[in-house]
Amino acid sequence: GQGSGAAATQGDATWMHAIFDTQFWTQGGGDFAAN
């Protein structure tokens, strides 16, 4: 059902990573407009 997700692979976007496992988001969940 995909609700549990999967282990991240190289290049995935995750809650912490813009690009796993080399680039982090500034804020968890992504860097996006507040509005």
PDB file of all heavy atoms in Angstrom:
ATOM      1  N   GLY A   1       0.797  -1.210   0.000  1.00  0.00           N
ATOM      2  CA  GLY A   1       0.000   0.000   0.000  1.00  0.00           C
ATOM      3  C   GLY A   1       0.830   1.259   0.000  1.00  0.00           C
ATOM      4  O   GLY A   1       0.304   2.353  -0.100  1.00  0.00           O
ATOM      5  N   GLN A   2       2.123   1.145   0.160  1.00  0.00           N
ATOM      6  CA  GLN A   2       3.117   2.206   0.074  1.00  0.00           C
ATOM      7  C   GLN A   2       3.087   3.168   1.247  1.00  0.00           C
ATOM      8  O   GLN A   2       3.866   4.105   1.294  1.00  0.00           O
ATOM      9  CB  GLN A   2       2.989   2.973  -1.249  1.00  0.00           C
ATOM     10  CG  GLN A   2       3.159   2.073  -2.441  1.00  0.00           C
ATOM     11  CD  GLN A   2       2.933   2.799  -3.752  1.00  0.00           C
ATOM     12  OE1 GLN A   2       2.435   3.911  -3.797  1.00  0.00           O
ATOM     13  NE2 GLN A   2       3.295   2.143  -4.834  1.00  0.00           N
ATOM     14  N   GLY A   3       2.213   2.959   2.215  1.00  0.00           N
ATOM     15  CA  GLY A   3       2.113   3.859   3.354  1.00  0.00           C
ATOM     16  C   GLY A   3       3.335   3.851   4.247  1.00  0.00           C
ATOM     17  O   GLY A   3       3.598   4.813   4.962  1.00  0.00           O
ATOM     18  N   SER A   4       4.109   2.774   4.208  1.00  0.00           N
ATOM     19  CA  SER A   4       5.309   2.687   5.035  1.00  0.00           C
ATOM     20  C   SER A   4       6.546   3.199   4.314  1.00  0.00           C
ATOM     21  O   SER A   4       7.617   3.263   4.895  1.00  0.00           O
ATOM     22  CB  SER A   4       5.546   1.234   5.461  1.00  0.00           C
ATOM     23  OG  SER A   4       4.467   0.797   6.261  1.00  0.00           O
ATOM     24  N   GLY A   5       6.404   3.546   3.037  1.00  0.00           N
ATOM     25  CA  GLY A   5       7.531   4.067   2.282  1.00  0.00           C
ATOM     26  C   GLY A   5       8.528   2.991   1.917  1.00  0.00           C
ATOM     27  O   GLY A   5       8.235   1.802   1.960  1.00  0.00           O
ATOM     28  N   ALA A   6       9.730   3.428   1.573  1.00  0.00           N
ATOM     29  CA  ALA A   6      10.816   2.531   1.198  1.00  0.00           C
ATOM     30  C   ALA A   6      12.122   3.204   1.587  1.00  0.00           C
ATOM     31  O   ALA A   6      12.168   4.415   1.794  1.00  0.00           O
ATOM     32  CB  ALA A   6      10.795   2.253  -0.304  1.00  0.00           C
ATOM     33  N   ALA A   7      13.164   2.408   1.692  1.00  0.00           N
ATOM     34  CA  ALA A   7      14.483   2.982   1.976  1.00  0.00           C
ATOM     35  C   ALA A   7      14.885   3.896   0.826  1.00  0.00           C
ATOM     36  O   ALA A   7      14.676   3.574  -0.343  1.00  0.00           O
ATOM     37  CB  ALA A   7      15.507   1.868   2.147  1.00  0.00           C
ATOM     38  N   ALA A   8      15.442   5.057   1.165  1.00  0.00           N
ATOM     39  CA  ALA A   8      15.870   6.011   0.144  1.00  0.00           C
ATOM     40  C   ALA A   8      17.032   5.450  -0.658  1.00  0.00           C
ATOM     41  O   ALA A   8      17.901   4.759  -0.128  1.00  0.00           O
ATOM     42  CB  ALA A   8      16.273   7.324   0.798  1.00  0.00           C
ATOM     43  N   THR A   9      17.032   5.751  -1.947  1.00  0.00           N
ATOM     44  CA  THR A   9      18.154   5.405  -2.812  1.00  0.00           C
ATOM     45  C   THR A   9      18.853   6.696  -3.220  1.00  0.00           C
ATOM     46  O   THR A   9      18.318   7.798  -3.048  1.00  0.00           O
ATOM     47  CB  THR A   9      17.686   4.654  -4.074  1.00  0.00           C
ATOM     48  OG1 THR A   9      16.792   5.493  -4.811  1.00  0.00           O
ATOM     49  CG2 THR A   9      16.979   3.351  -3.712  1.00  0.00           C
ATOM     50  N   GLN A  10      20.053   6.572  -3.747  1.00  0.00           N
ATOM     51  CA  GLN A  10      20.823   7.736  -4.179  1.00  0.00           C
ATOM     52  C   GLN A  10      19.967   8.617  -5.083  1.00  0.00           C
ATOM     53  O   GLN A  10      19.373   8.140  -6.034  1.00  0.00           O
ATOM     54  CB  GLN A  10      22.085   7.276  -4.928  1.00  0.00           C
ATOM     55  CG  GLN A  10      23.051   8.388  -5.230  1.00  0.00           C
ATOM     56  CD  GLN A  10      23.687   8.958  -3.974  1.00  0.00           C
ATOM     57  OE1 GLN A  10      24.003   8.240  -3.042  1.00  0.00           O
ATOM     58  NE2 GLN A  10      23.863  10.265  -3.953  1.00  0.00           N
ATOM     59  N   GLY A  11      19.880   9.911  -4.740  1.00  0.00           N
ATOM     60  CA  GLY A  11      19.143  10.866  -5.557  1.00  0.00           C
ATOM     61  C   GLY A  11      17.712  11.120  -5.135  1.00  0.00           C
ATOM     62  O   GLY A  11      17.082  12.050  -5.631  1.00  0.00           O
ATOM     63  N   ASP A  12      17.153  10.310  -4.220  1.00  0.00           N
ATOM     64  CA  ASP A  12      15.769  10.516  -3.773  1.00  0.00           C
ATOM     65  C   ASP A  12      15.620  11.812  -2.993  1.00  0.00           C
ATOM     66  O   ASP A  12      16.536  12.252  -2.303  1.00  0.00           O
ATOM     67  CB  ASP A  12      15.324   9.379  -2.828  1.00  0.00           C
ATOM     68  CG  ASP A  12      14.794   8.166  -3.547  1.00  0.00           C
ATOM     69  OD1 ASP A  12      14.338   8.297  -4.693  1.00  0.00           O
ATOM     70  OD2 ASP A  12      14.814   7.071  -2.944  1.00  0.00           O
ATOM     71  N   ALA A  13      14.437  12.393  -3.064  1.00  0.00           N
ATOM     72  CA  ALA A  13      14.062  13.457  -2.139  1.00  0.00           C
ATOM     73  C   ALA A  13      13.432  12.761  -0.931  1.00  0.00           C
ATOM     74  O   ALA A  13      12.629  11.846  -1.082  1.00  0.00           O
ATOM     75  CB  ALA A  13      13.062  14.400  -2.785  1.00  0.00           C
ATOM     76  N   THR A  14      13.827  13.158   0.258  1.00  0.00           N
ATOM     77  CA  THR A  14      13.268  12.601   1.495  1.00  0.00           C
ATOM     78  C   THR A  14      12.834  13.761   2.391  1.00  0.00           C
ATOM     79  O   THR A  14      12.975  14.923   2.019  1.00  0.00           O
ATOM     80  CB  THR A  14      14.314  11.743   2.244  1.00  0.00           C
ATOM     81  OG1 THR A  14      15.335  12.612   2.763  1.00  0.00           O
ATOM     82  CG2 THR A  14      14.936  10.683   1.343  1.00  0.00           C
ATOM     83  N   TRP A  15      12.343  13.441   3.570  1.00  0.00           N
ATOM     84  CA  TRP A  15      11.953  14.487   4.510  1.00  0.00           C
ATOM     85  C   TRP A  15      13.139  15.396   4.848  1.00  0.00           C
ATOM     86  O   TRP A  15      13.003  16.602   4.961  1.00  0.00           O
ATOM     87  CB  TRP A  15      11.386  13.858   5.782  1.00  0.00           C
ATOM     88  CG  TRP A  15      10.869  14.879   6.742  1.00  0.00           C
ATOM     89  CD1 TRP A  15      11.514  15.394   7.835  1.00  0.00           C
ATOM     90  CD2 TRP A  15       9.622  15.567   6.673  1.00  0.00           C
ATOM     91  NE1 TRP A  15      10.748  16.329   8.458  1.00  0.00           N
ATOM     92  CE2 TRP A  15       9.562  16.464   7.759  1.00  0.00           C
ATOM     93  CE3 TRP A  15       8.533  15.515   5.807  1.00  0.00           C
ATOM     94  CZ2 TRP A  15       8.476  17.292   8.003  1.00  0.00           C
ATOM     95  CZ3 TRP A  15       7.454  16.327   6.051  1.00  0.00           C
ATOM     96  CH2 TRP A  15       7.442  17.208   7.145  1.00  0.00           C
ATOM     97  N   MET A  16      14.323  14.820   4.955  1.00  0.00           N
ATOM     98  CA  MET A  16      15.515  15.584   5.329  1.00  0.00           C
ATOM     99  C   MET A  16      16.376  16.012   4.133  1.00  0.00           C
ATOM    100  O   MET A  16      17.094  16.994   4.217  1.00  0.00           O
ATOM    101  CB  MET A  16      16.392  14.762   6.290  1.00  0.00           C
ATOM    102  CG  MET A  16      15.704  14.416   7.602  1.00  0.00           C
ATOM    103  SD  MET A  16      15.172  15.864   8.542  1.00  0.00           S
ATOM    104  CE  MET A  16      16.718  16.641   8.877  1.00  0.00           C
ATOM    105  N   HIS A  17      16.319  15.260   3.056  1.00  0.00           N
ATOM    106  CA  HIS A  17      17.218  15.487   1.918  1.00  0.00           C
ATOM    107  C   HIS A  17      16.476  16.021   0.692  1.00  0.00           C
ATOM    108  O   HIS A  17      15.466  15.441   0.284  1.00  0.00           O
ATOM    109  CB  HIS A  17      17.897  14.183   1.489  1.00  0.00           C
ATOM    110  CG  HIS A  17      18.873  13.662   2.480  1.00  0.00           C
ATOM    111  ND1 HIS A  17      18.534  12.781   3.467  1.00  0.00           N
ATOM    112  CD2 HIS A  17      20.194  13.908   2.623  1.00  0.00           C
ATOM    113  CE1 HIS A  17      19.609  12.491   4.190  1.00  0.00           C
ATOM    114  NE2 HIS A  17      20.628  13.171   3.697  1.00  0.00           N
ATOM    115  N   ALA A  18      17.038  17.066   0.088  1.00  0.00           N
ATOM    116  CA  ALA A  18      16.577  17.476  -1.240  1.00  0.00           C
ATOM    117  C   ALA A  18      17.052  16.429  -2.248  1.00  0.00           C
ATOM    118  O   ALA A  18      16.319  16.060  -3.170  1.00  0.00           O
ATOM    119  CB  ALA A  18      17.119  18.852  -1.606  1.00  0.00           C
ATOM    120  N   ILE A  19      18.276  15.961  -2.051  1.00  0.00           N
ATOM    121  CA  ILE A  19      18.850  14.884  -2.859  1.00  0.00           C
ATOM    122  C   ILE A  19      19.614  13.971  -1.908  1.00  0.00           C
ATOM    123  O   ILE A  19      20.639  14.363  -1.346  1.00  0.00           O
ATOM    124  CB  ILE A  19      19.781  15.434  -3.961  1.00  0.00           C
ATOM    125  CG1 ILE A  19      18.980  16.362  -4.890  1.00  0.00           C
ATOM    126  CG2 ILE A  19      20.438  14.302  -4.729  1.00  0.00           C
ATOM    127  CD1 ILE A  19      19.808  17.077  -5.938  1.00  0.00           C
ATOM    128  N   PHE A  20      19.098  12.752  -1.701  1.00  0.00           N
ATOM    129  CA  PHE A  20      19.706  11.796  -0.782  1.00  0.00           C
ATOM    130  C   PHE A  20      21.036  11.334  -1.363  1.00  0.00           C
ATOM    131  O   PHE A  20      21.120  11.015  -2.533  1.00  0.00           O
ATOM    132  CB  PHE A  20      18.767  10.608  -0.582  1.00  0.00           C
ATOM    133  CG  PHE A  20      19.253   9.602   0.419  1.00  0.00           C
ATOM    134  CD1 PHE A  20      19.098   9.837   1.765  1.00  0.00           C
ATOM    135  CD2 PHE A  20      19.873   8.449   0.004  1.00  0.00           C
ATOM    136  CE1 PHE A  20      19.544   8.916   2.697  1.00  0.00           C
ATOM    137  CE2 PHE A  20      20.329   7.524   0.920  1.00  0.00           C
ATOM    138  CZ  PHE A  20      20.159   7.757   2.271  1.00  0.00           C
ATOM    139  N   ASP A  21      22.041  11.238  -0.696  1.00  0.00           N
ATOM    140  CA  ASP A  21      22.339  11.578   0.674  1.00  0.00           C
ATOM    141  C   ASP A  21      23.390  12.678   0.744  1.00  0.00           C
ATOM    142  O   ASP A  21      24.236  12.697   1.609  1.00  0.00           O
ATOM    143  CB  ASP A  21      22.757  10.356   1.450  1.00  0.00           C
ATOM    144  CG  ASP A  21      24.083   9.743   0.960  1.00  0.00           C
ATOM    145  OD1 ASP A  21      24.552  10.100  -0.124  1.00  0.00           O
ATOM    146  OD2 ASP A  21      24.642   8.915   1.653  1.00  0.00           O
ATOM    147  N   THR A  22      23.274  13.618  -0.213  1.00  0.00           N
ATOM    148  CA  THR A  22      24.303  14.658  -0.288  1.00  0.00           C
ATOM    149  C   THR A  22      23.794  16.073  -0.024  1.00  0.00           C
ATOM    150  O   THR A  22      24.572  16.920   0.381  1.00  0.00           O
ATOM    151  CB  THR A  22      24.978  14.644  -1.674  1.00  0.00           C
ATOM    152  OG1 THR A  22      23.980  14.865  -2.677  1.00  0.00           O
ATOM    153  CG2 THR A  22      25.682  13.323  -1.938  1.00  0.00           C
ATOM    154  N   GLN A  23      22.518  16.340  -0.272  1.00  0.00           N
ATOM    155  CA  GLN A  23      22.003  17.707  -0.113  1.00  0.00           C
ATOM    156  C   GLN A  23      20.785  17.709   0.815  1.00  0.00           C
ATOM    157  O   GLN A  23      19.787  17.051   0.521  1.00  0.00           O
ATOM    158  CB  GLN A  23      21.615  18.299  -1.462  1.00  0.00           C
ATOM    159  CG  GLN A  23      22.790  18.461  -2.405  1.00  0.00           C
ATOM    160  CD  GLN A  23      22.361  19.028  -3.741  1.00  0.00           C
ATOM    161  OE1 GLN A  23      21.383  19.746  -3.840  1.00  0.00           O
ATOM    162  NE2 GLN A  23      23.114  18.687  -4.784  1.00  0.00           N
ATOM    163  N   PHE A  24      20.877  18.482   1.892  1.00  0.00           N
ATOM    164  CA  PHE A  24      19.778  18.576   2.845  1.00  0.00           C
ATOM    165  C   PHE A  24      18.863  19.740   2.498  1.00  0.00           C
ATOM    166  O   PHE A  24      19.303  20.748   1.950  1.00  0.00           O
ATOM    167  CB  PHE A  24      20.323  18.791   4.275  1.00  0.00           C
ATOM    168  CG  PHE A  24      20.950  17.566   4.859  1.00  0.00           C
ATOM    169  CD1 PHE A  24      22.315  17.327   4.714  1.00  0.00           C
ATOM    170  CD2 PHE A  24      20.183  16.652   5.566  1.00  0.00           C
ATOM    171  CE1 PHE A  24      22.895  16.201   5.242  1.00  0.00           C
ATOM    172  CE2 PHE A  24      20.758  15.510   6.104  1.00  0.00           C
ATOM    173  CZ  PHE A  24      22.121  15.287   5.949  1.00  0.00           C
ATOM    174  N   TRP A  25      17.578  19.591   2.851  1.00  0.00           N
ATOM    175  CA  TRP A  25      16.662  20.725   2.832  1.00  0.00           C
ATOM    176  C   TRP A  25      17.084  21.682   3.949  1.00  0.00           C
ATOM    177  O   TRP A  25      17.640  21.264   4.956  1.00  0.00           O
ATOM    178  CB  TRP A  25      15.222  20.288   3.119  1.00  0.00           C
ATOM    179  CG  TRP A  25      14.587  19.389   2.110  1.00  0.00           C
ATOM    180  CD1 TRP A  25      14.245  18.082   2.290  1.00  0.00           C
ATOM    181  CD2 TRP A  25      14.162  19.723   0.788  1.00  0.00           C
ATOM    182  NE1 TRP A  25      13.644  17.579   1.165  1.00  0.00           N
ATOM    183  CE2 TRP A  25      13.578  18.568   0.217  1.00  0.00           C
ATOM    184  CE3 TRP A  25      14.222  20.886   0.020  1.00  0.00           C
ATOM    185  CZ2 TRP A  25      13.062  18.558  -1.067  1.00  0.00           C
ATOM    186  CZ3 TRP A  25      13.703  20.866  -1.269  1.00  0.00           C
ATOM    187  CH2 TRP A  25      13.129  19.717  -1.801  1.00  0.00           C
ATOM    188  N   THR A  26      16.768  22.947   3.803  1.00  0.00           N
ATOM    189  CA  THR A  26      17.003  23.912   4.879  1.00  0.00           C
ATOM    190  C   THR A  26      16.066  23.618   6.044  1.00  0.00           C
ATOM    191  O   THR A  26      16.438  23.742   7.203  1.00  0.00           O
ATOM    192  CB  THR A  26      16.776  25.347   4.365  1.00  0.00           C
ATOM    193  OG1 THR A  26      17.629  25.559   3.244  1.00  0.00           O
ATOM    194  CG2 THR A  26      17.085  26.370   5.439  1.00  0.00           C
ATOM    195  N   GLN A  27      14.836  23.209   5.731  1.00  0.00           N
ATOM    196  CA  GLN A  27      13.852  22.829   6.757  1.00  0.00           C
ATOM    197  C   GLN A  27      13.299  21.456   6.410  1.00  0.00           C
ATOM    198  O   GLN A  27      13.136  21.128   5.242  1.00  0.00           O
ATOM    199  CB  GLN A  27      12.716  23.857   6.840  1.00  0.00           C
ATOM    200  CG  GLN A  27      11.926  23.987   5.549  1.00  0.00           C
ATOM    201  CD  GLN A  27      10.860  25.070   5.635  1.00  0.00           C
ATOM    202  OE1 GLN A  27      10.886  25.918   6.505  1.00  0.00           O
ATOM    203  NE2 GLN A  27       9.912  25.032   4.721  1.00  0.00           N
ATOM    204  N   GLY A  28      13.020  20.644   7.409  1.00  0.00           N
ATOM    205  CA  GLY A  28      12.475  19.309   7.170  1.00  0.00           C
ATOM    206  C   GLY A  28      11.192  19.369   6.358  1.00  0.00           C
ATOM    207  O   GLY A  28      10.329  20.202   6.610  1.00  0.00           O
ATOM    208  N   GLY A  29      11.073  18.505   5.364  1.00  0.00           N
ATOM    209  CA  GLY A  29       9.879  18.445   4.530  1.00  0.00           C
ATOM    210  C   GLY A  29       9.998  19.221   3.233  1.00  0.00           C
ATOM    211  O   GLY A  29       9.182  19.063   2.342  1.00  0.00           O
ATOM    212  N   GLY A  30      11.006  20.075   3.131  1.00  0.00           N
ATOM    213  CA  GLY A  30      11.226  20.786   1.873  1.00  0.00           C
ATOM    214  C   GLY A  30      11.297  22.281   2.050  1.00  0.00           C
ATOM    215  O   GLY A  30      10.769  22.837   3.002  1.00  0.00           O
ATOM    216  N   ASP A  31      11.956  22.918   1.116  1.00  0.00           N
ATOM    217  CA  ASP A  31      12.083  24.375   1.105  1.00  0.00           C
ATOM    218  C   ASP A  31      11.052  24.925   0.133  1.00  0.00           C
ATOM    219  O   ASP A  31      11.239  24.873  -1.081  1.00  0.00           O
ATOM    220  CB  ASP A  31      13.491  24.784   0.669  1.00  0.00           C
ATOM    221  CG  ASP A  31      14.566  24.261   1.610  1.00  0.00           C
ATOM    222  OD1 ASP A  31      14.223  23.848   2.729  1.00  0.00           O
ATOM    223  OD2 ASP A  31      15.740  24.272   1.211  1.00  0.00           O
ATOM    224  N   PHE A  32       9.951  25.420   0.687  1.00  0.00           N
ATOM    225  CA  PHE A  32       8.871  25.908  -0.155  1.00  0.00           C
ATOM    226  C   PHE A  32       8.262  27.168   0.433  1.00  0.00           C
ATOM    227  O   PHE A  32       8.463  27.483   1.605  1.00  0.00           O
ATOM    228  CB  PHE A  32       7.797  24.834  -0.364  1.00  0.00           C
ATOM    229  CG  PHE A  32       7.267  24.224   0.897  1.00  0.00           C
ATOM    230  CD1 PHE A  32       6.246  24.834   1.622  1.00  0.00           C
ATOM    231  CD2 PHE A  32       7.770  23.009   1.358  1.00  0.00           C
ATOM    232  CE1 PHE A  32       5.744  24.264   2.782  1.00  0.00           C
ATOM    233  CE2 PHE A  32       7.273  22.433   2.517  1.00  0.00           C
ATOM    234  CZ  PHE A  32       6.261  23.056   3.227  1.00  0.00           C
ATOM    235  N   ALA A  33       7.531  27.901  -0.404  1.00  0.00           N
ATOM    236  CA  ALA A  33       6.883  29.144   0.013  1.00  0.00           C
ATOM    237  C   ALA A  33       5.918  28.869   1.165  1.00  0.00           C
ATOM    238  O   ALA A  33       5.194  27.873   1.160  1.00  0.00           O
ATOM    239  CB  ALA A  33       6.142  29.764  -1.162  1.00  0.00           C
ATOM    240  N   ALA A  34       5.916  29.755   2.146  1.00  0.00           N
ATOM    241  CA  ALA A  34       5.029  29.590   3.308  1.00  0.00           C
ATOM    242  C   ALA A  34       3.561  29.693   2.917  1.00  0.00           C
ATOM    243  O   ALA A  34       2.722  28.940   3.431  1.00  0.00           O
ATOM    244  CB  ALA A  34       5.360  30.640   4.364  1.00  0.00           C
ATOM    245  N   ASN A  35       3.242  30.592   2.003  1.00  0.00           N
ATOM    246  CA  ASN A  35       1.848  30.759   1.577  1.00  0.00           C
ATOM    247  C   ASN A  35       1.511  29.782   0.468  1.00  0.00           C
ATOM    248  O   ASN A  35       2.268  29.635  -0.496  1.00  0.00           O
ATOM    249  CB  ASN A  35       1.601  32.189   1.088  1.00  0.00           C
ATOM    250  CG  ASN A  35       1.738  33.191   2.216  1.00  0.00           C
ATOM    251  OD1 ASN A  35       1.424  32.906   3.366  1.00  0.00           O
ATOM    252  ND2 ASN A  35       2.219  34.382   1.883  1.00  0.00           N
TER     253      ASN A  35
END
